[in-house]
Amino acid sequence: MSYLYNVRTIGEVVHVELGPAFVISLGHMLPLWGEVLVICRDHQCQRVLIEGHSPPRNMGSLDAIKHGDFLGALEQPGLRVAFCLHEYATDDITRQFKATANAGSSDVMFFNDIDTALAWLSAVSIGTRELPFPAAGDGG
């Protein structure tokens, strides 16, 4: 069955598993953030891991800036977001989104492997065995 995403907390991290039907677009990202931010507030956490396998993107420069502005303008300062998108090639639009978000109150980075993403998040309370995708080099 196709799904957009699943959200859960693992320790002090909100983990978002992007499903096969997920598309990087404002139409999918903004509802995702609505759910994630409620969980962050309720659990008093500021670390988010968004993980998926090279989701398609339907977002141009203007939407990337809007998305970055949204994260950068959050009233919850200090949100740290690791996008672990396996086999995803970052490009100018990705870098533009990242720069816009990081110019505000959020800290955003993109990764291709789970171990580096977790290290950046300093997510010592979770291990890669608990996550739905295998670590880089483990067949995933």
Protein backbone atom coordinates (compact mmCIF):
# COMPACT_ATOMS: atom_id res chain seq x y z
CA MET A 1 0.00 0.00 0.00
CA SER A 2 1.26 3.44 -0.89
CA TYR A 3 1.53 6.10 1.82
CA LEU A 4 2.94 9.61 2.09
CA TYR A 5 4.86 9.35 5.36
CA ASN A 6 4.91 7.98 8.90
CA VAL A 7 5.93 10.06 11.90
CA ARG A 8 7.08 8.73 15.27
CA THR A 9 9.36 9.69 18.10
CA ILE A 10 12.45 7.69 18.92
CA GLY A 11 14.00 9.01 22.09
CA GLU A 12 14.43 12.75 21.62
CA VAL A 13 14.14 12.63 17.83
CA VAL A 14 11.09 12.94 15.62
CA HIS A 15 11.60 10.42 12.83
CA VAL A 16 9.73 10.88 9.55
CA GLU A 17 9.77 7.95 7.15
CA LEU A 18 8.87 9.15 3.67
CA GLY A 19 6.69 6.68 1.82
CA PRO A 20 6.72 5.71 -1.85
CA ALA A 21 3.90 8.17 -2.66
CA PHE A 22 5.76 11.16 -1.15
CA VAL A 23 6.82 13.98 -3.47
CA ILE A 24 9.02 16.85 -2.32
CA SER A 25 6.52 19.64 -2.85
CA LEU A 26 4.89 22.34 -0.75
CA GLY A 27 1.67 20.34 -0.93
CA HIS A 28 3.32 17.42 0.88
CA MET A 29 5.93 19.26 2.97
CA LEU A 30 3.69 21.81 4.72
CA PRO A 31 1.22 19.23 6.12
CA LEU A 32 4.21 17.10 7.18
CA TRP A 33 5.66 20.08 9.07
CA GLY A 34 2.32 20.77 10.72
CA GLU A 35 2.34 17.27 12.19
CA VAL A 36 6.06 17.29 13.07
CA LEU A 37 5.89 20.65 14.84
CA VAL A 38 2.99 19.54 17.04
CA ILE A 39 4.98 16.45 18.05
CA CYS A 40 8.08 18.57 18.70
CA ARG A 41 6.06 20.90 20.93
CA ASP A 42 4.28 18.09 22.79
CA HIS A 43 7.49 16.10 23.37
CA GLN A 44 9.76 19.14 23.84
CA CYS A 45 12.20 17.98 21.20
CA GLN A 46 14.04 19.92 18.51
CA ARG A 47 15.68 17.20 16.42
CA VAL A 48 14.03 15.82 13.30
CA LEU A 49 15.23 13.06 11.01
CA ILE A 50 13.47 12.90 7.64
CA GLU A 51 14.40 9.72 5.83
CA GLY A 52 13.48 8.40 2.40
CA HIS A 53 14.77 6.83 -0.78
CA SER A 54 15.33 9.59 -3.34
CA PRO A 55 11.79 10.98 -3.44
CA PRO A 56 10.77 12.82 -6.60
CA ARG A 57 10.62 16.59 -6.36
CA ASN A 58 8.00 18.95 -7.69
CA MET A 59 9.46 22.16 -6.34
CA GLY A 60 11.15 25.00 -8.19
CA SER A 61 13.27 27.82 -6.81
CA LEU A 62 10.35 29.95 -5.62
CA ASP A 63 8.76 27.06 -3.70
CA ALA A 64 12.15 26.11 -2.24
CA ILE A 65 12.54 29.66 -0.92
CA LYS A 66 8.98 29.57 0.51
CA HIS A 67 9.75 26.24 2.20
CA GLY A 68 13.03 27.58 3.58
CA ASP A 69 11.35 30.78 4.78
CA PHE A 70 8.71 28.68 6.55
CA LEU A 71 11.35 26.74 8.51
CA GLY A 72 13.50 29.80 9.09
CA ALA A 73 10.59 31.77 10.55
CA LEU A 74 9.47 29.16 13.09
CA GLU A 75 8.66 30.43 16.55
CA GLN A 76 10.34 27.31 17.95
CA PRO A 77 14.01 28.32 17.59
CA GLY A 78 16.69 25.69 17.36
CA LEU A 79 14.93 23.12 15.20
CA ARG A 80 17.63 20.81 13.80
CA VAL A 81 16.55 18.86 10.71
CA ALA A 82 18.55 16.10 9.02
CA PHE A 83 17.22 15.09 5.62
CA CYS A 84 18.62 11.61 5.02
CA LEU A 85 17.57 11.00 1.44
CA HIS A 86 19.26 7.86 0.18
CA GLU A 87 20.50 8.19 -3.42
CA TYR A 88 19.26 11.81 -3.61
CA ALA A 89 21.52 14.20 -5.49
CA THR A 90 21.46 17.69 -4.05
CA ASP A 91 21.38 20.54 -6.54
CA ASP A 92 20.99 24.32 -6.65
CA ILE A 93 17.34 24.17 -5.54
CA THR A 94 18.28 21.99 -2.56
CA ARG A 95 21.12 24.36 -1.64
CA GLN A 96 18.81 27.37 -2.00
CA PHE A 97 16.25 25.79 0.36
CA LYS A 98 18.97 24.90 2.87
CA ALA A 99 20.51 28.39 2.82
CA THR A 100 17.11 30.06 3.27
CA ALA A 101 16.10 27.80 6.17
CA ASN A 102 19.51 28.14 7.84
CA ALA A 103 19.38 31.95 7.59
CA GLY A 104 16.52 31.84 10.10
CA SER A 105 15.83 29.87 13.27
CA SER A 106 16.33 26.34 11.87
CA ASP A 107 19.42 24.27 11.15
CA VAL A 108 19.01 22.02 8.09
CA MET A 109 21.43 19.55 6.47
CA PHE A 110 21.16 16.89 3.76
CA PHE A 111 22.76 13.45 3.98
CA ASN A 112 22.89 10.24 1.95
CA ASP A 113 23.65 7.91 4.85
CA ILE A 114 21.95 7.37 8.17
CA ASP A 115 25.09 7.18 10.32
CA THR A 116 26.29 10.63 9.28
CA ALA A 117 22.81 12.09 9.69
CA LEU A 118 22.48 10.66 13.20
CA ALA A 119 25.94 11.87 14.15
CA TRP A 120 25.04 15.38 12.98
CA LEU A 121 21.81 15.29 14.96
CA SER A 122 23.81 14.06 17.96
CA ALA A 123 21.06 11.50 18.33
CA VAL A 124 22.83 9.24 20.79
CA SER A 125 19.51 8.04 22.15
CA ILE A 126 18.60 6.15 18.96
CA GLY A 127 20.41 3.49 16.99
CA THR A 128 20.22 2.61 13.33
CA ARG A 129 18.64 -0.78 14.14
CA GLU A 130 15.45 1.00 15.24
CA LEU A 131 15.02 2.84 11.94
CA PRO A 132 13.01 1.37 9.06
CA PHE A 133 15.74 1.73 6.41
CA PRO A 134 19.10 -0.08 6.57
CA ALA A 135 22.23 1.99 7.08
CA ALA A 136 24.33 2.83 4.02
CA GLY A 137 26.20 -0.23 2.83
CA ASP A 138 23.69 -2.63 4.40
CA GLY A 139 21.85 -3.38 1.18
CA GLY A 140 19.52 -0.39 1.27
